[in-house]
Amino acid sequence: MNDILFDFNDIRFEISFKSYNELRSILSFYKKNFLCKINIPCKNTLKKDFLLDSIRISRTEFPTIDIIPHFSILHEFRRNSTNTKNSFNDFLHMVKDYGCNNVLLISGSKKRSTLDSVSILNSFQYNPLFNNSSFSIGVAFNPYLPDFLFEEEILRLEKKLQSGIVNSIWIQFGTDIHLIECRIKILKNIILSSLKYKTSLSDIKLFGSILIPSNQFLARFKFRPWKGVYCSQEFLESVDYANNLVSKLLKKYKQYNICPIIETNILNHDQLNSLRMILHLQN
């Protein structure tokens, strides 16, 4: 048997749903299959009261499942920056009361000129919520950007870490294995330099996005690609090639102690078995 790349206990799963019943069905499936680390995104209709109620249901009805909710400034924007900051503060207090210890903060695919994740972190660095290490913020990072955009991404990440309340960095998915290795090393150096701020190195966890290939997913992605996700044509043309590349990416994650987060839906045993196969792939 090939070496296991990651055990199910070592990875997270992002789920999407359109109703509370669908949420309960997904979480029931995850609980039965001992998949206990879940992220709930903030996108499309999954926002505001629907998002908060979904987090509450997840924590109260499935208390053994660890939930990390997302907060998107784009989708949670409330007319102006002040209202949005107040809304974010309320959101943090509520999810903390529900038992969540971490929130992933993202600006969204279309950044607001008046407010983004950098400015909101700067505003919250002295918030009493973060007086101890039990509650903290995660931020996004895209290592696959072209050079001129990547330089800006680095500067933004450094400013995020300077807030002292960031304890996790969430890496975007991409298919350039050589590039990701080079830029993970850059990322590690940035984390080392952040030691002078409040957050210690040991507190900064790395998570890496994984997309599970299928003919249907690749066809949809070619028709409507996700903004900021860089996938090669070879990846999009062949499920076998894509599976092999994902396996190589998982090996890099394991090498650099990066926890995978599965962003494609795992909703049935066939999809779960596909994931099992990928986690065991070796070249």
Protein backbone atom coordinates (compact mmCIF):
# COMPACT_ATOMS: atom_id res chain seq x y z
CA MET A 1 0.00 0.00 0.00
CA ASN A 2 1.25 3.48 -0.80
CA ASP A 3 2.04 5.85 2.04
CA ILE A 4 -0.91 7.90 3.19
CA LEU A 5 -0.47 11.57 2.36
CA PHE A 6 -2.98 12.80 4.94
CA ASP A 7 -5.49 11.16 7.22
CA PHE A 8 -9.05 12.50 7.31
CA ASN A 9 -8.29 13.81 10.80
CA ASP A 10 -5.58 16.02 9.30
CA ILE A 11 -7.68 17.87 6.73
CA ARG A 12 -10.56 20.34 6.65
CA PHE A 13 -13.61 20.44 4.38
CA GLU A 14 -15.42 23.49 3.03
CA ILE A 15 -19.15 22.95 2.59
CA SER A 16 -21.75 24.85 0.57
CA PHE A 17 -25.53 24.64 0.93
CA LYS A 18 -28.69 26.57 0.16
CA SER A 19 -30.97 25.60 3.04
CA TYR A 20 -30.82 24.54 6.68
CA ASN A 21 -32.07 21.07 5.75
CA GLU A 22 -29.24 20.70 3.24
CA LEU A 23 -26.77 21.84 5.90
CA ARG A 24 -28.08 19.25 8.36
CA SER A 25 -27.90 16.54 5.71
CA ILE A 26 -24.27 17.39 4.86
CA LEU A 27 -23.19 17.53 8.49
CA SER A 28 -24.95 14.24 9.25
CA PHE A 29 -22.99 12.60 6.42
CA TYR A 30 -19.76 14.12 7.71
CA LYS A 31 -20.43 13.02 11.28
CA LYS A 32 -21.15 9.43 10.20
CA ASN A 33 -17.88 9.36 8.26
CA PHE A 34 -15.83 10.97 11.04
CA LEU A 35 -15.11 14.13 9.07
CA CYS A 36 -15.05 16.61 11.92
CA LYS A 37 -13.26 19.74 10.68
CA ILE A 38 -15.51 21.97 8.61
CA ASN A 39 -15.32 25.47 7.10
CA ILE A 40 -18.47 27.42 6.30
CA PRO A 41 -17.79 30.01 3.58
CA CYS A 42 -19.38 33.43 3.18
CA LYS A 43 -20.46 33.76 -0.44
CA ASN A 44 -23.45 34.10 -2.74
CA THR A 45 -26.59 33.69 -0.59
CA LEU A 46 -24.65 32.22 2.32
CA LYS A 47 -24.18 35.43 4.29
CA LYS A 48 -25.57 37.68 7.01
CA ASP A 49 -28.43 36.09 9.00
CA PHE A 50 -28.40 32.87 6.97
CA LEU A 51 -24.68 32.46 7.66
CA LEU A 52 -25.01 33.18 11.38
CA ASP A 53 -27.99 30.85 11.77
CA SER A 54 -26.09 28.14 9.91
CA ILE A 55 -23.14 28.49 12.27
CA ARG A 56 -25.48 28.30 15.26
CA ILE A 57 -27.18 25.15 13.93
CA SER A 58 -23.83 23.55 13.19
CA ARG A 59 -22.47 24.17 16.66
CA THR A 60 -25.60 23.34 18.65
CA GLU A 61 -26.78 20.28 16.70
CA PHE A 62 -23.34 18.90 15.78
CA PRO A 63 -21.13 19.92 18.72
CA THR A 64 -18.39 17.37 17.90
CA ILE A 65 -17.72 19.05 14.55
CA ASP A 66 -15.16 21.87 14.62
CA ILE A 67 -16.41 24.86 12.63
CA ILE A 68 -14.36 27.70 11.14
CA PRO A 69 -16.68 30.32 9.61
CA HIS A 70 -15.63 32.81 6.94
CA PHE A 71 -16.40 36.53 6.88
CA SER A 72 -16.26 38.20 3.46
CA ILE A 73 -16.11 42.00 3.49
CA LEU A 74 -17.56 41.97 -0.03
CA HIS A 75 -20.64 39.96 0.94
CA GLU A 76 -21.09 41.42 4.43
CA PHE A 77 -20.60 45.07 3.51
CA ARG A 78 -23.19 47.29 5.26
CA ARG A 79 -23.32 50.58 3.31
CA ASN A 80 -20.12 52.02 4.78
CA SER A 81 -16.92 50.96 6.53
CA THR A 82 -18.10 51.90 10.03
CA ASN A 83 -21.27 49.80 9.77
CA THR A 84 -19.28 46.90 8.34
CA LYS A 85 -16.72 47.02 11.15
CA ASN A 86 -19.54 47.04 13.69
CA SER A 87 -21.13 44.10 11.91
CA PHE A 88 -17.81 42.23 11.95
CA ASN A 89 -17.46 42.90 15.68
CA ASP A 90 -20.96 41.52 16.31
CA PHE A 91 -20.17 38.52 14.10
CA LEU A 92 -17.00 37.73 16.05
CA HIS A 93 -18.79 37.90 19.40
CA MET A 94 -21.62 35.67 18.20
CA VAL A 95 -19.47 32.94 16.65
CA LYS A 96 -17.21 32.97 19.71
CA ASP A 97 -20.28 32.45 21.89
CA TYR A 98 -21.25 29.53 19.63
CA GLY A 99 -17.88 27.92 20.35
CA CYS A 100 -15.80 28.85 17.30
CA ASN A 101 -12.15 29.70 17.97
CA ASN A 102 -11.14 31.01 14.56
CA VAL A 103 -12.64 33.10 11.75
CA LEU A 104 -11.25 33.35 8.22
CA LEU A 105 -11.42 36.98 7.10
CA ILE A 106 -11.32 37.71 3.37
CA SER A 107 -11.77 40.89 1.35
CA GLY A 108 -13.65 39.08 -1.43
CA SER A 109 -13.13 38.87 -5.18
CA LYS A 110 -13.91 42.57 -5.62
CA LYS A 111 -12.10 44.64 -3.00
CA ARG A 112 -13.88 47.62 -1.52
CA SER A 113 -12.01 50.91 -1.90
CA THR A 114 -13.02 52.00 1.61
CA LEU A 115 -12.41 48.75 3.52
CA ASP A 116 -10.42 45.55 3.09
CA SER A 117 -8.96 42.83 5.29
CA VAL A 118 -5.78 44.84 5.97
CA SER A 119 -7.62 47.91 7.25
CA ILE A 120 -10.15 45.93 9.27
CA LEU A 121 -7.37 43.94 10.99
CA ASN A 122 -5.61 47.18 11.84
CA SER A 123 -8.83 48.43 13.46
CA PHE A 124 -9.30 45.27 15.53
CA GLN A 125 -5.76 44.62 16.77
CA TYR A 126 -6.55 45.99 20.24
CA ASN A 127 -10.03 44.50 20.48
CA PRO A 128 -10.56 42.76 23.87
CA LEU A 129 -11.68 39.63 22.01
CA PHE A 130 -8.05 38.92 21.20
CA ASN A 131 -6.58 39.44 24.66
CA ASN A 132 -5.77 35.74 24.82
CA SER A 133 -4.76 33.20 22.20
CA SER A 134 -7.97 31.16 22.27
CA PHE A 135 -9.65 33.26 19.59
CA SER A 136 -7.98 34.55 16.44
CA ILE A 137 -8.24 35.42 12.76
CA GLY A 138 -7.13 33.64 9.60
CA VAL A 139 -6.23 35.44 6.36
CA ALA A 140 -5.96 34.44 2.71
CA PHE A 141 -2.80 34.30 0.62
CA ASN A 142 -2.36 33.63 -3.10
CA PRO A 143 1.12 32.36 -4.01
CA TYR A 144 0.27 31.89 -7.70
CA LEU A 145 -0.13 35.54 -8.66
CA PRO A 146 2.06 37.05 -11.41
CA ASP A 147 5.19 38.73 -10.07
CA PHE A 148 3.90 42.31 -10.05
CA LEU A 149 0.74 41.26 -8.18
CA PHE A 150 2.60 38.87 -5.90
CA GLU A 151 4.77 41.71 -4.60
CA GLU A 152 1.61 43.52 -3.53
CA GLU A 153 0.26 40.28 -2.00
CA ILE A 154 3.44 39.99 0.10
CA LEU A 155 3.12 43.56 1.35
CA ARG A 156 -0.52 43.00 2.26
CA LEU A 157 0.31 39.80 4.15
CA GLU A 158 3.04 41.54 6.13
CA LYS A 159 0.56 44.25 7.14
CA LYS A 160 -2.00 41.60 8.16
CA LEU A 161 0.53 39.84 10.37
CA GLN A 162 1.51 43.15 11.97
CA SER A 163 -1.96 43.31 13.54
CA GLY A 164 -0.84 40.56 15.93
CA ILE A 165 -4.22 38.78 15.83
CA VAL A 166 -3.59 36.52 12.84
CA ASN A 167 -2.81 32.89 13.66
CA SER A 168 -3.51 31.15 10.34
CA ILE A 169 -2.76 31.72 6.65
CA TRP A 170 -4.97 30.10 4.01
CA ILE A 171 -3.23 29.40 0.71
CA GLN A 172 -5.12 29.59 -2.58
CA PHE A 173 -5.22 26.60 -4.94
CA GLY A 174 -3.09 26.49 -8.09
CA THR A 175 -1.35 23.99 -10.36
CA ASP A 176 2.21 25.30 -10.71
CA ILE A 177 4.11 22.95 -8.38
CA HIS A 178 7.51 24.59 -8.93
CA LEU A 179 6.14 28.06 -8.23
CA ILE A 180 4.31 27.03 -5.07
CA GLU A 181 7.45 25.50 -3.55
CA CYS A 182 9.44 28.68 -4.20
CA ARG A 183 6.76 30.89 -2.73
CA ILE A 184 6.09 28.70 0.29
CA LYS A 185 9.72 29.35 1.22
CA ILE A 186 9.08 33.09 0.87
CA LEU A 187 5.98 32.70 3.03
CA LYS A 188 7.95 30.86 5.72
CA ASN A 189 10.47 33.71 5.81
CA ILE A 190 7.68 36.25 6.23
CA ILE A 191 6.32 34.26 9.15
CA LEU A 192 9.77 34.19 10.73
CA SER A 193 10.03 37.97 10.44
CA SER A 194 6.64 38.34 12.15
CA LEU A 195 8.11 37.06 15.44
CA LYS A 196 8.58 40.64 16.57
CA TYR A 197 4.80 41.11 16.60
CA LYS A 198 2.32 39.76 19.11
CA THR A 199 1.63 36.46 17.34
CA SER A 200 4.34 33.82 17.81
CA LEU A 201 5.58 31.60 15.01
CA SER A 202 4.14 28.48 16.63
CA ASP A 203 0.67 30.06 16.50
CA ILE A 204 0.67 30.68 12.76
CA LYS A 205 -0.84 27.65 11.05
CA LEU A 206 -0.81 27.12 7.30
CA PHE A 207 -3.76 25.74 5.34
CA GLY A 208 -3.72 24.91 1.64
CA SER A 209 -6.66 24.68 -0.73
CA ILE A 210 -7.28 21.45 -2.63
CA LEU A 211 -9.76 20.92 -5.47
CA ILE A 212 -10.79 17.32 -6.18
CA PRO A 213 -10.94 16.79 -9.98
CA SER A 214 -13.88 15.25 -11.81
CA ASN A 215 -15.06 15.55 -15.40
CA GLN A 216 -18.00 17.66 -14.27
CA PHE A 217 -15.91 19.97 -12.10
CA LEU A 218 -13.25 20.54 -14.75
CA ALA A 219 -15.89 21.27 -17.40
CA ARG A 220 -17.58 23.81 -15.11
CA PHE A 221 -14.27 25.41 -14.22
CA LYS A 222 -13.31 25.83 -17.89
CA PHE A 223 -16.67 27.46 -18.57
CA ARG A 224 -16.60 29.66 -15.46
CA PRO A 225 -13.14 29.80 -13.81
CA TRP A 226 -12.81 31.00 -10.25
CA LYS A 227 -11.23 34.41 -9.95
CA GLY A 228 -7.66 34.24 -8.68
CA VAL A 229 -7.36 30.48 -9.15
CA TYR A 230 -4.63 29.66 -11.68
CA CYS A 231 -5.07 26.25 -13.33
CA SER A 232 -3.06 25.01 -16.30
CA GLN A 233 -4.75 23.82 -19.49
CA GLU A 234 -3.31 20.33 -18.93
CA PHE A 235 -4.99 20.21 -15.52
CA LEU A 236 -8.35 21.19 -17.00
CA GLU A 237 -8.17 18.73 -19.92
CA SER A 238 -7.53 15.45 -18.09
CA VAL A 239 -8.89 14.04 -14.83
CA ASP A 240 -5.96 11.61 -14.60
CA TYR A 241 -3.44 14.42 -15.06
CA ALA A 242 -5.34 16.58 -12.56
CA ASN A 243 -5.44 13.80 -9.95
CA ASN A 244 -1.72 13.23 -10.33
CA LEU A 245 -1.01 16.95 -9.94
CA VAL A 246 -3.22 17.21 -6.84
CA SER A 247 -1.29 14.30 -5.35
CA LYS A 248 1.99 16.16 -5.99
CA LEU A 249 0.53 19.29 -4.37
CA LEU A 250 -0.53 17.28 -1.32
CA LYS A 251 3.03 15.99 -1.02
CA LYS A 252 4.28 19.58 -0.96
CA TYR A 253 1.71 20.43 1.70
CA LYS A 254 2.88 17.50 3.79
CA GLN A 255 6.53 18.46 3.30
CA TYR A 256 5.91 22.01 4.55
CA ASN A 257 3.39 21.13 7.29
CA ILE A 258 0.40 22.68 5.50
CA CYS A 259 -3.05 21.37 6.40
CA PRO A 260 -5.22 20.72 3.31
CA ILE A 261 -8.71 22.16 3.02
CA ILE A 262 -10.92 20.44 0.44
CA GLU A 263 -12.93 23.11 -1.37
CA THR A 264 -14.91 20.90 -3.75
CA ASN A 265 -18.06 19.26 -2.43
CA ILE A 266 -17.70 15.87 -0.74
CA LEU A 267 -21.33 14.88 -0.41
CA ASN A 268 -21.50 11.12 -1.00
CA HIS A 269 -19.45 7.93 -0.73
CA ASP A 270 -18.28 8.05 -4.35
CA GLN A 271 -16.76 11.49 -3.84
CA LEU A 272 -15.32 10.37 -0.52
CA ASN A 273 -13.73 7.34 -2.20
CA SER A 274 -12.22 9.58 -4.88
CA LEU A 275 -10.63 11.62 -2.12
CA ARG A 276 -9.34 8.44 -0.46
CA MET A 277 -7.64 7.43 -3.70
CA ILE A 278 -5.96 10.81 -4.08
CA LEU A 279 -4.70 10.75 -0.52
CA HIS A 280 -2.96 7.45 -1.30
CA LEU A 281 -1.51 8.36 -4.71
CA GLN A 282 2.23 8.13 -5.15
CA ASN A 283 4.44 8.53 -8.20
